[in-house]
Amino acid sequence: AEQAKYIWGGQGCLWSEYITNPAKVQYQLFPRLDALSEILWSPKEKKNYPDFQKRLKTQFKRYDLMGITYPKRYLEN
């Protein structure tokens, strides 16, 4: 906890050596990118996973409108 003050941010990695097309890149990035944003931008005391899941369903509608490829398994919860 003492060393947490030295952390300025975070990053998400995507190993793309074997990703052959943009749709597969999107499939790997989304909704992981949303989760990373939620973790980095939300104050610690306001983090709420059930609320994030609820809001993510709205985000999926945006993905659909933009033609973004994402794994549908996250809709099952």
Foldseek 3Di string as FASTA:
>chain_A
DVCPVVDDFDDDDDDCPPPDDPLSVLQVPPPVVVVRCLVGPDDPVPDDVVVSLVVVVVVVVVCVVVVHHYDCPSVVD
